[in-house]
Amino acid sequence: MEKVSNIYQGADKQQGRKRVVIVGAGFGGLWAARSLANKKNVDVLLVDKNNYHTFFPLLYQVAAAELEPEDIVYPIRSILRKYSNIKFILADIEKIDFANKIVKSAGYAIHYDYLVLATGTVTQFFDTPGAAQHAFQLKNLHQGVELRNHILNCFEMASRKISETHKQSLLTFTVVGGGPTGVEFSGALAELIHGPFKKDYPTIDFNYVHVILIEAANSILLTFPKNLRDYAQDKLSRMGVEIMLQTFVSHVTGQTVHLKDKGVIPTETVVWTAGVCADPITEKWGLPVTRNNLVRVLPTLALESYPEVFAIGDVSSIDEGRRQLPMTAPVALQQGVLAAKNILASIAGKPQQDFTYKDRGAMVTIGRNTAVALVGKRTFTGFIAWILWLVIHLMNLIGFRNRVMVLINWAVDYLFLERAIRLIFPAPKPKQPPDAG
């Protein structure tokens, strides 16, 4: 068992320096670490099971063959190298001993004075039979690449001589969930299919191709104003996306989606974007959680039972009045900054601040020149909203190279209606369909 002094490489507790361990290098964890950078009274250890930070708002574009996977990730060590008091360790946390202030991983027992939990979310399937086994998810980089490979393989197989029934199921793409991710991916997929794929696969009859967006509510983008919802729905429909509202998925198999009272859709592609919940690891650690595995915290983001432990971002449950805060990057970022401030205030013996979310708005891109944006009380649609979306996402992307590569790929897509990332990698062995001639 490696000792914590070796991990911290010289952290000197006798001189009054406090050890802060941050679990998770998403938006919340990373911004908490950066807010503690170069502080003379703290040493920070950031722990994550990946050695890179992922810009999740653009993950769907990896799945839609618009961006390379490496365009939306950045090495954590490169981000932190200029901060002398922050270290990083690649590890998967197995257990936390809150009473003795120890974080445990394979080969490590890490002592802390303050702990920040920013473990993020997992997909919420709402106990739908077969969904976890057969539906594609969009929660990490591997899943984005896997979905891209699958979509490309569906078209490759459909270009062969196969039965009409098999071709129909191969070329029907079902997206479950009409929130921002579902809407953005449906639009990106429709543009990919009716743009580059039509040129790539001239032997395919595109009358077989269907992109279906399923939403249980009576509208997509339910948290947006009605004029933006109506605009998004109209634009998606014009792009060829079939929208099914007030529709519930009752069962998923490898070849079908069963709908409650609305029949069965033959499809080999189900993309589940219907919901998320906090990583269930928090409950295994013995923390007080809600039914969605959210950790109950005080307004300061600290745990009532363990005031030296903070839960932030998608893993924390905090109500502002009657409003449950959304599981979005801006919330996680702001909570990460406040958690860092409250740790410093606690060390200094000063009062801690309560969290107040500063809602700067929300935006969703639908397709070429088409987006919706809510900024304060003002709403924008079309080209203006699309430009706002592009600029804000590009500015928030970490790394100069990433910004340049994303801008180049967007420019190529916009100017030439072309996507260069139509690669199946690693290439699988060709699979012969059972009815091939």
Protein backbone atom coordinates (compact mmCIF):
# COMPACT_ATOMS: atom_id res chain seq x y z
CA MET A 1 0.00 0.00 0.00
CA GLU A 2 1.64 3.22 -1.16
CA LYS A 3 1.74 5.93 1.46
CA VAL A 4 0.03 9.25 0.93
CA SER A 5 3.26 11.20 1.48
CA ASN A 6 4.66 9.63 -1.69
CA ILE A 7 1.58 10.66 -3.67
CA TYR A 8 1.75 14.24 -2.49
CA GLN A 9 5.49 14.37 -3.00
CA GLY A 10 6.32 16.55 -0.06
CA ALA A 11 3.05 17.99 1.25
CA ASP A 12 3.98 19.25 4.71
CA LYS A 13 1.08 19.08 7.11
CA GLN A 14 3.22 20.38 9.97
CA GLN A 15 3.41 23.75 8.28
CA GLY A 16 -0.39 24.03 8.34
CA ARG A 17 -1.07 22.95 4.76
CA LYS A 18 -4.35 21.12 4.30
CA ARG A 19 -4.83 18.21 1.96
CA VAL A 20 -7.76 18.48 -0.45
CA VAL A 21 -8.71 15.40 -2.47
CA ILE A 22 -11.03 15.88 -5.46
CA VAL A 23 -12.68 12.79 -6.95
CA GLY A 24 -13.66 13.35 -10.58
CA ALA A 25 -12.10 15.56 -13.28
CA GLY A 26 -15.27 16.71 -14.99
CA PHE A 27 -16.34 20.35 -15.05
CA GLY A 28 -17.01 20.53 -11.31
CA GLY A 29 -13.88 18.73 -10.14
CA LEU A 30 -11.55 20.46 -12.57
CA TRP A 31 -12.83 23.94 -11.76
CA ALA A 32 -12.61 23.21 -8.03
CA ALA A 33 -8.96 22.21 -8.48
CA ARG A 34 -8.14 25.26 -10.57
CA SER A 35 -9.80 27.52 -7.99
CA LEU A 36 -7.39 26.13 -5.39
CA ALA A 37 -4.36 26.54 -7.65
CA ASN A 38 -1.25 28.12 -6.16
CA LYS A 39 -2.88 28.64 -2.75
CA LYS A 40 -0.17 28.52 -0.12
CA ASN A 41 -2.20 26.70 2.53
CA VAL A 42 -3.52 23.73 0.51
CA ASP A 43 -2.20 20.76 -1.44
CA VAL A 44 -4.63 19.30 -3.93
CA LEU A 45 -4.87 15.79 -5.35
CA LEU A 46 -7.22 15.30 -8.30
CA VAL A 47 -8.27 11.68 -8.85
CA ASP A 48 -9.99 10.30 -11.94
CA LYS A 49 -10.25 6.94 -13.72
CA ASN A 50 -9.32 8.66 -17.01
CA ASN A 51 -6.25 10.80 -17.65
CA TYR A 52 -8.21 13.29 -19.73
CA HIS A 53 -11.04 15.81 -19.33
CA THR A 54 -13.95 15.36 -21.75
CA PHE A 55 -15.96 18.27 -23.14
CA PHE A 56 -19.30 16.47 -22.93
CA PRO A 57 -21.44 19.09 -24.74
CA LEU A 58 -19.77 18.02 -28.01
CA LEU A 59 -19.75 14.26 -27.41
CA TYR A 60 -22.75 13.73 -29.68
CA GLN A 61 -20.71 15.16 -32.58
CA VAL A 62 -18.18 12.35 -32.14
CA ALA A 63 -21.04 9.86 -32.49
CA ALA A 64 -22.34 11.73 -35.56
CA ALA A 65 -18.93 11.57 -37.31
CA GLU A 66 -18.42 15.34 -37.12
CA LEU A 67 -15.47 15.47 -34.71
CA GLU A 68 -12.55 13.23 -33.84
CA PRO A 69 -12.62 11.86 -30.27
CA GLU A 70 -9.35 13.63 -29.41
CA ASP A 71 -10.87 16.98 -30.46
CA ILE A 72 -13.06 17.11 -27.34
CA VAL A 73 -10.63 15.75 -24.73
CA TYR A 74 -7.55 17.24 -23.11
CA PRO A 75 -4.87 15.61 -20.91
CA ILE A 76 -5.43 16.43 -17.26
CA ARG A 77 -1.72 16.63 -16.52
CA SER A 78 -1.30 19.24 -19.26
CA ILE A 79 -4.05 21.33 -17.66
CA LEU A 80 -2.50 21.11 -14.20
CA ARG A 81 1.24 21.25 -14.98
CA LYS A 82 1.52 24.98 -14.22
CA TYR A 83 0.04 24.61 -10.73
CA SER A 84 2.70 23.58 -8.22
CA ASN A 85 0.27 22.59 -5.47
CA ILE A 86 -1.95 20.30 -7.58
CA LYS A 87 -1.14 16.66 -8.32
CA PHE A 88 -3.07 14.11 -10.37
CA ILE A 89 -3.43 10.37 -9.94
CA LEU A 90 -5.08 7.90 -12.32
CA ALA A 91 -7.22 5.69 -10.11
CA ASP A 92 -10.72 4.33 -9.61
CA ILE A 93 -11.93 5.02 -6.06
CA GLU A 94 -13.27 1.87 -4.44
CA LYS A 95 -14.15 3.00 -0.92
CA ILE A 96 -14.18 6.07 1.31
CA ASP A 97 -13.68 5.90 5.06
CA PHE A 98 -15.39 9.14 6.10
CA ALA A 99 -14.80 8.63 9.81
CA ASN A 100 -11.01 8.41 9.35
CA LYS A 101 -10.86 10.70 6.29
CA ILE A 102 -9.32 8.13 3.94
CA VAL A 103 -9.99 7.57 0.24
CA LYS A 104 -9.14 4.04 -0.84
CA SER A 105 -8.18 2.74 -4.27
CA ALA A 106 -6.22 -0.26 -5.48
CA GLY A 107 -2.76 0.27 -4.08
CA TYR A 108 -3.52 3.60 -2.41
CA ALA A 109 -4.83 4.88 0.91
CA ILE A 110 -5.14 8.63 0.52
CA HIS A 111 -5.70 10.74 3.63
CA TYR A 112 -7.53 14.03 3.29
CA ASP A 113 -8.50 17.07 5.32
CA TYR A 114 -11.15 18.09 2.80
CA LEU A 115 -12.85 15.97 0.16
CA VAL A 116 -14.73 17.09 -2.96
CA LEU A 117 -16.93 14.52 -4.71
CA ALA A 118 -17.59 15.25 -8.38
CA THR A 119 -18.28 11.77 -9.74
CA GLY A 120 -20.82 12.78 -12.40
CA THR A 121 -23.74 10.86 -13.84
CA VAL A 122 -24.74 7.59 -15.47
CA THR A 123 -27.65 6.89 -17.81
CA GLN A 124 -31.09 6.55 -16.22
CA PHE A 125 -33.09 3.78 -17.91
CA PHE A 126 -36.16 4.01 -15.62
CA ASP A 127 -36.16 0.21 -15.25
CA THR A 128 -37.13 -0.22 -18.91
CA PRO A 129 -36.59 -3.92 -19.75
CA GLY A 130 -33.74 -4.48 -22.20
CA ALA A 131 -32.68 -0.82 -22.41
CA ALA A 132 -29.45 -1.19 -20.46
CA GLN A 133 -28.45 -4.26 -22.50
CA HIS A 134 -29.36 -3.09 -26.01
CA ALA A 135 -29.47 0.72 -26.12
CA PHE A 136 -26.49 2.91 -26.97
CA GLN A 137 -25.50 5.59 -24.48
CA LEU A 138 -23.71 8.93 -24.80
CA LYS A 139 -21.97 9.36 -21.44
CA ASN A 140 -18.30 8.83 -22.28
CA LEU A 141 -15.84 8.91 -25.17
CA HIS A 142 -15.84 5.15 -25.72
CA GLN A 143 -19.63 5.15 -26.11
CA GLY A 144 -19.46 7.97 -28.65
CA VAL A 145 -16.95 6.08 -30.81
CA GLU A 146 -18.90 2.84 -30.42
CA LEU A 147 -22.09 4.51 -31.65
CA ARG A 148 -20.29 6.09 -34.62
CA ASN A 149 -18.86 2.70 -35.60
CA HIS A 150 -22.27 1.09 -35.31
CA ILE A 151 -24.00 3.69 -37.51
CA LEU A 152 -21.33 3.33 -40.20
CA ASN A 153 -21.54 -0.46 -40.01
CA CYS A 154 -25.32 -0.30 -40.46
CA PHE A 155 -24.89 1.54 -43.76
CA GLU A 156 -22.08 -0.73 -44.89
CA MET A 157 -24.22 -3.80 -44.30
CA ALA A 158 -27.29 -2.18 -45.87
CA SER A 159 -25.29 -1.58 -49.05
CA ARG A 160 -25.03 -5.36 -49.53
CA LYS A 161 -27.63 -7.68 -50.95
CA ILE A 162 -29.87 -8.35 -47.95
CA SER A 163 -33.59 -8.74 -47.35
CA GLU A 164 -35.94 -5.74 -47.33
CA THR A 165 -36.87 -6.43 -43.71
CA HIS A 166 -33.28 -6.53 -42.56
CA LYS A 167 -32.45 -3.38 -44.51
CA GLN A 168 -35.38 -1.56 -42.90
CA SER A 169 -34.27 -2.39 -39.37
CA LEU A 170 -30.63 -1.53 -40.16
CA LEU A 171 -31.58 1.91 -41.48
CA THR A 172 -34.03 2.88 -38.74
CA PHE A 173 -32.35 4.94 -36.03
CA THR A 174 -34.34 5.54 -32.86
CA VAL A 175 -33.41 8.21 -30.31
CA VAL A 176 -35.20 7.99 -26.97
CA GLY A 177 -35.43 11.31 -25.14
CA GLY A 178 -36.31 14.75 -26.51
CA GLY A 179 -34.01 16.78 -24.28
CA PRO A 180 -31.01 18.79 -25.55
CA THR A 181 -28.79 15.74 -26.23
CA GLY A 182 -31.55 13.85 -28.04
CA VAL A 183 -32.46 16.85 -30.18
CA GLU A 184 -28.84 17.72 -31.04
CA PHE A 185 -27.92 14.14 -31.92
CA SER A 186 -31.09 13.61 -34.00
CA GLY A 187 -30.36 16.74 -36.01
CA ALA A 188 -26.68 15.87 -36.49
CA LEU A 189 -27.55 12.31 -37.53
CA ALA A 190 -30.18 13.52 -40.02
CA GLU A 191 -27.63 15.88 -41.61
CA LEU A 192 -25.03 13.11 -41.78
CA ILE A 193 -27.47 10.73 -43.46
CA HIS A 194 -28.99 13.13 -45.97
CA GLY A 195 -25.65 14.80 -46.73
CA PRO A 196 -22.42 12.75 -46.90
CA PHE A 197 -24.07 9.31 -46.68
CA LYS A 198 -26.26 9.94 -49.73
CA LYS A 199 -23.07 10.46 -51.73
CA ASP A 200 -21.20 7.59 -50.05
CA TYR A 201 -23.91 4.95 -50.58
CA PRO A 202 -25.49 5.49 -54.02
CA THR A 203 -26.85 1.91 -54.09
CA ILE A 204 -29.00 2.41 -50.99
CA ASP A 205 -32.63 3.47 -51.36
CA PHE A 206 -32.88 6.24 -48.76
CA ASN A 207 -36.63 5.77 -48.51
CA TYR A 208 -35.68 3.00 -46.09
CA VAL A 209 -33.86 5.43 -43.80
CA HIS A 210 -35.70 6.76 -40.75
CA VAL A 211 -34.54 8.86 -37.81
CA ILE A 212 -37.15 8.66 -35.06
CA LEU A 213 -37.13 10.82 -31.92
CA ILE A 214 -39.28 9.46 -29.09
CA GLU A 215 -40.35 11.71 -26.19
CA ALA A 216 -42.66 10.79 -23.30
CA ALA A 217 -43.79 14.40 -22.70
CA ASN A 218 -46.05 16.44 -24.97
CA SER A 219 -43.11 18.45 -26.33
CA ILE A 220 -39.38 18.22 -26.95
CA LEU A 221 -37.01 20.54 -25.02
CA LEU A 222 -39.55 20.74 -22.22
CA THR A 223 -37.50 23.19 -20.10
CA PHE A 224 -37.36 25.78 -22.90
CA PRO A 225 -40.01 28.44 -23.71
CA LYS A 226 -42.83 27.33 -25.99
CA ASN A 227 -41.70 29.37 -28.99
CA LEU A 228 -38.28 27.69 -28.90
CA ARG A 229 -39.82 24.24 -28.50
CA ASP A 230 -42.13 24.78 -31.45
CA TYR A 231 -39.29 26.12 -33.60
CA ALA A 232 -37.03 23.15 -32.79
CA GLN A 233 -39.78 20.64 -33.50
CA ASP A 234 -40.63 22.26 -36.84
CA LYS A 235 -36.98 22.38 -37.95
CA LEU A 236 -36.30 18.76 -36.98
CA SER A 237 -39.39 17.63 -38.88
CA ARG A 238 -38.23 19.54 -41.97
CA MET A 239 -34.87 17.76 -41.68
CA GLY A 240 -36.62 14.40 -41.89
CA VAL A 241 -36.69 13.48 -38.19
CA GLU A 242 -39.90 11.70 -37.22
CA ILE A 243 -40.99 12.98 -33.78
CA MET A 244 -43.23 10.81 -31.60
CA LEU A 245 -44.57 12.72 -28.57
CA GLN A 246 -46.35 11.30 -25.53
CA THR A 247 -44.80 7.96 -26.41
CA PHE A 248 -43.41 5.56 -23.84
CA VAL A 249 -40.86 2.82 -24.48
CA SER A 250 -41.94 -0.37 -22.74
CA HIS A 251 -39.22 -2.77 -23.90
CA VAL A 252 -36.03 -2.82 -25.97
CA THR A 253 -34.44 -5.74 -27.79
CA GLY A 254 -31.51 -6.01 -30.16
CA GLN A 255 -33.85 -5.67 -33.16
CA THR A 256 -36.92 -3.79 -31.87
CA VAL A 257 -38.31 -1.02 -29.71
CA HIS A 258 -41.67 -1.80 -28.13
CA LEU A 259 -43.91 1.21 -27.49
CA LYS A 260 -46.70 1.33 -24.93
CA ASP A 261 -50.01 1.18 -26.88
CA LYS A 262 -48.24 2.28 -30.10
CA GLY A 263 -46.81 -0.90 -31.58
CA VAL A 264 -43.26 -2.00 -32.34
CA ILE A 265 -40.45 -0.30 -34.29
CA PRO A 266 -38.03 -2.66 -36.06
CA THR A 267 -34.61 -1.13 -35.43
CA GLU A 268 -31.08 -2.20 -34.59
CA THR A 269 -30.11 1.22 -33.27
CA VAL A 270 -31.59 2.66 -30.07
CA VAL A 271 -29.81 5.70 -28.62
CA TRP A 272 -30.93 6.37 -25.04
CA THR A 273 -30.80 10.05 -24.01
CA ALA A 274 -33.97 10.02 -21.90
CA GLY A 275 -32.41 10.71 -18.53
CA VAL A 276 -29.44 10.65 -16.20
CA CYS A 277 -28.87 10.00 -12.52
CA ALA A 278 -25.89 10.42 -10.23
CA ASP A 279 -23.28 7.66 -10.19
CA PRO A 280 -24.64 4.95 -7.84
CA ILE A 281 -21.17 4.60 -6.30
CA THR A 282 -22.17 7.38 -3.87
CA GLU A 283 -24.76 5.16 -2.22
CA LYS A 284 -22.24 2.30 -1.96
CA TRP A 285 -19.97 4.68 -0.08
CA GLY A 286 -22.70 5.07 2.53
CA LEU A 287 -23.75 8.63 1.75
CA PRO A 288 -27.32 9.94 2.21
CA VAL A 289 -28.81 9.99 -1.29
CA THR A 290 -32.11 10.66 -3.04
CA ARG A 291 -33.82 8.14 -5.31
CA ASN A 292 -31.62 9.36 -8.19
CA ASN A 293 -28.46 8.70 -6.15
CA LEU A 294 -27.95 12.44 -5.57
CA VAL A 295 -26.04 13.27 -2.39
CA ARG A 296 -27.94 15.47 0.04
CA VAL A 297 -25.91 18.57 0.85
CA LEU A 298 -26.27 21.79 2.79
CA PRO A 299 -26.61 25.12 0.92
CA THR A 300 -22.81 25.43 1.27
CA LEU A 301 -22.49 22.16 -0.72
CA ALA A 302 -21.03 20.39 2.35
CA LEU A 303 -22.50 17.24 3.87
CA GLU A 304 -24.29 17.75 7.16
CA SER A 305 -22.70 14.67 8.74
CA TYR A 306 -19.24 15.40 7.33
CA PRO A 307 -18.70 19.19 6.99
CA GLU A 308 -15.25 18.61 5.46
CA VAL A 309 -16.83 16.73 2.53
CA PHE A 310 -18.40 18.59 -0.41
CA ALA A 311 -20.55 17.11 -3.20
CA ILE A 312 -20.82 19.13 -6.39
CA GLY A 313 -22.18 19.04 -9.90
CA ASP A 314 -24.36 16.20 -11.10
CA VAL A 315 -23.87 14.27 -7.86
CA SER A 316 -25.27 16.88 -5.44
CA SER A 317 -28.89 17.44 -4.46
CA ILE A 318 -29.58 21.06 -3.68
CA ASP A 319 -32.88 22.88 -4.05
CA GLU A 320 -33.22 26.57 -4.75
CA GLY A 321 -36.71 27.20 -3.47
CA ARG A 322 -38.77 24.60 -5.28
CA ARG A 323 -36.46 24.33 -8.29
CA GLN A 324 -34.19 21.33 -8.61
CA LEU A 325 -31.06 22.51 -10.37
CA PRO A 326 -30.35 20.94 -13.78
CA MET A 327 -27.52 18.46 -14.31
CA THR A 328 -25.55 20.72 -16.62
CA ALA A 329 -21.95 21.90 -17.00
CA PRO A 330 -22.63 25.51 -15.84
CA VAL A 331 -24.07 24.26 -12.55
CA ALA A 332 -21.11 21.94 -11.96
CA LEU A 333 -18.61 24.65 -12.85
CA GLN A 334 -20.13 27.21 -10.48
CA GLN A 335 -20.40 24.66 -7.67
CA GLY A 336 -16.77 23.64 -8.13
CA VAL A 337 -15.66 27.25 -7.72
CA LEU A 338 -17.82 27.73 -4.61
CA ALA A 339 -16.66 24.48 -3.00
CA ALA A 340 -13.07 25.67 -3.36
CA LYS A 341 -13.95 29.05 -1.84
CA ASN A 342 -15.73 27.41 1.08
CA ILE A 343 -12.78 25.12 1.76
CA LEU A 344 -10.50 28.14 1.93
CA ALA A 345 -13.02 29.93 4.15
CA SER A 346 -13.18 26.92 6.49
CA ILE A 347 -9.38 26.80 6.74
CA ALA A 348 -9.34 30.51 7.57
CA GLY A 349 -12.13 30.16 10.13
CA LYS A 350 -14.48 32.38 8.10
CA PRO A 351 -18.19 31.85 7.31
CA GLN A 352 -18.97 29.79 4.22
CA GLN A 353 -21.22 30.99 1.41
CA ASP A 354 -24.46 29.39 0.26
CA PHE A 355 -24.70 28.35 -3.37
CA THR A 356 -26.79 30.50 -5.69
CA TYR A 357 -26.94 29.43 -9.30
CA LYS A 358 -26.44 32.22 -11.82
CA ASP A 359 -28.44 30.99 -14.77
CA ARG A 360 -26.89 32.47 -17.90
CA GLY A 361 -29.30 30.66 -20.19
CA ALA A 362 -29.32 27.56 -22.36
CA MET A 363 -28.94 26.75 -26.02
CA VAL A 364 -29.39 23.80 -28.35
CA THR A 365 -28.17 23.42 -31.92
CA ILE A 366 -30.47 21.62 -34.34
CA GLY A 367 -28.54 21.72 -37.59
CA ARG A 368 -26.93 23.95 -40.18
CA ASN A 369 -27.72 27.63 -39.38
CA THR A 370 -30.35 26.42 -36.94
CA ALA A 371 -30.41 26.59 -33.15
CA VAL A 372 -32.43 27.88 -30.21
CA ALA A 373 -31.03 29.98 -27.37
CA LEU A 374 -32.38 31.35 -24.12
CA VAL A 375 -30.23 34.17 -22.69
CA GLY A 376 -31.76 35.70 -19.59
CA LYS A 377 -35.35 36.37 -20.61
CA ARG A 378 -34.52 36.82 -24.29
CA THR A 379 -34.93 34.06 -26.84
CA PHE A 380 -33.12 33.60 -30.15
CA THR A 381 -33.68 31.22 -33.04
CA GLY A 382 -32.04 30.44 -36.35
CA PHE A 383 -28.70 31.81 -37.49
CA ILE A 384 -28.12 34.17 -34.54
CA ALA A 385 -28.73 31.39 -32.02
CA TRP A 386 -26.50 29.07 -34.06
CA ILE A 387 -23.61 31.56 -34.04
CA LEU A 388 -24.04 32.07 -30.27
CA TRP A 389 -23.90 28.30 -29.79
CA LEU A 390 -20.75 27.96 -31.91
CA VAL A 391 -18.88 30.80 -30.21
CA ILE A 392 -19.72 29.81 -26.64
CA HIS A 393 -18.85 26.15 -27.14
CA LEU A 394 -15.61 27.00 -28.91
CA MET A 395 -14.59 29.43 -26.16
CA ASN A 396 -15.26 26.90 -23.41
CA LEU A 397 -13.35 24.08 -25.09
CA ILE A 398 -10.03 23.46 -23.32
CA GLY A 399 -6.84 23.60 -25.40
CA PHE A 400 -5.77 25.75 -28.36
CA ARG A 401 -5.26 22.72 -30.62
CA ASN A 402 -8.74 21.43 -29.81
CA ARG A 403 -10.31 24.78 -30.66
CA VAL A 404 -8.45 24.93 -33.97
CA MET A 405 -9.33 21.35 -34.96
CA VAL A 406 -12.99 21.75 -34.01
CA LEU A 407 -13.20 25.03 -35.94
CA ILE A 408 -11.61 23.40 -39.01
CA ASN A 409 -13.99 20.44 -38.91
CA TRP A 410 -17.00 22.72 -38.48
CA ALA A 411 -15.80 24.90 -41.38
CA VAL A 412 -15.34 21.88 -43.68
CA ASP A 413 -18.79 20.59 -42.76
CA TYR A 414 -20.38 24.00 -43.31
CA LEU A 415 -18.63 24.96 -46.56
CA PHE A 416 -18.49 21.59 -48.31
CA LEU A 417 -21.31 19.62 -46.62
CA GLU A 418 -18.69 17.01 -45.87
CA ARG A 419 -17.66 15.11 -42.75
CA ALA A 420 -14.18 13.66 -42.81
CA ILE A 421 -14.53 11.51 -39.69
CA ARG A 422 -16.53 8.69 -41.30
CA LEU A 423 -14.15 6.03 -40.00
CA ILE A 424 -14.86 2.66 -38.47
CA PHE A 425 -12.01 2.31 -36.01
CA PRO A 426 -10.77 -0.14 -35.03
CA ALA A 427 -12.06 -1.91 -38.12
CA PRO A 428 -14.06 -5.06 -37.32
CA LYS A 429 -13.96 -8.22 -39.38
CA PRO A 430 -16.72 -8.16 -42.03
CA LYS A 431 -19.84 -9.87 -40.77
CA GLN A 432 -21.88 -11.79 -43.28
CA PRO A 433 -25.64 -11.25 -42.81
CA PRO A 434 -27.66 -14.45 -42.52
CA ASP A 435 -29.65 -13.72 -45.69
CA ALA A 436 -26.79 -12.51 -47.89
CA GLY A 437 -26.81 -13.68 -51.46
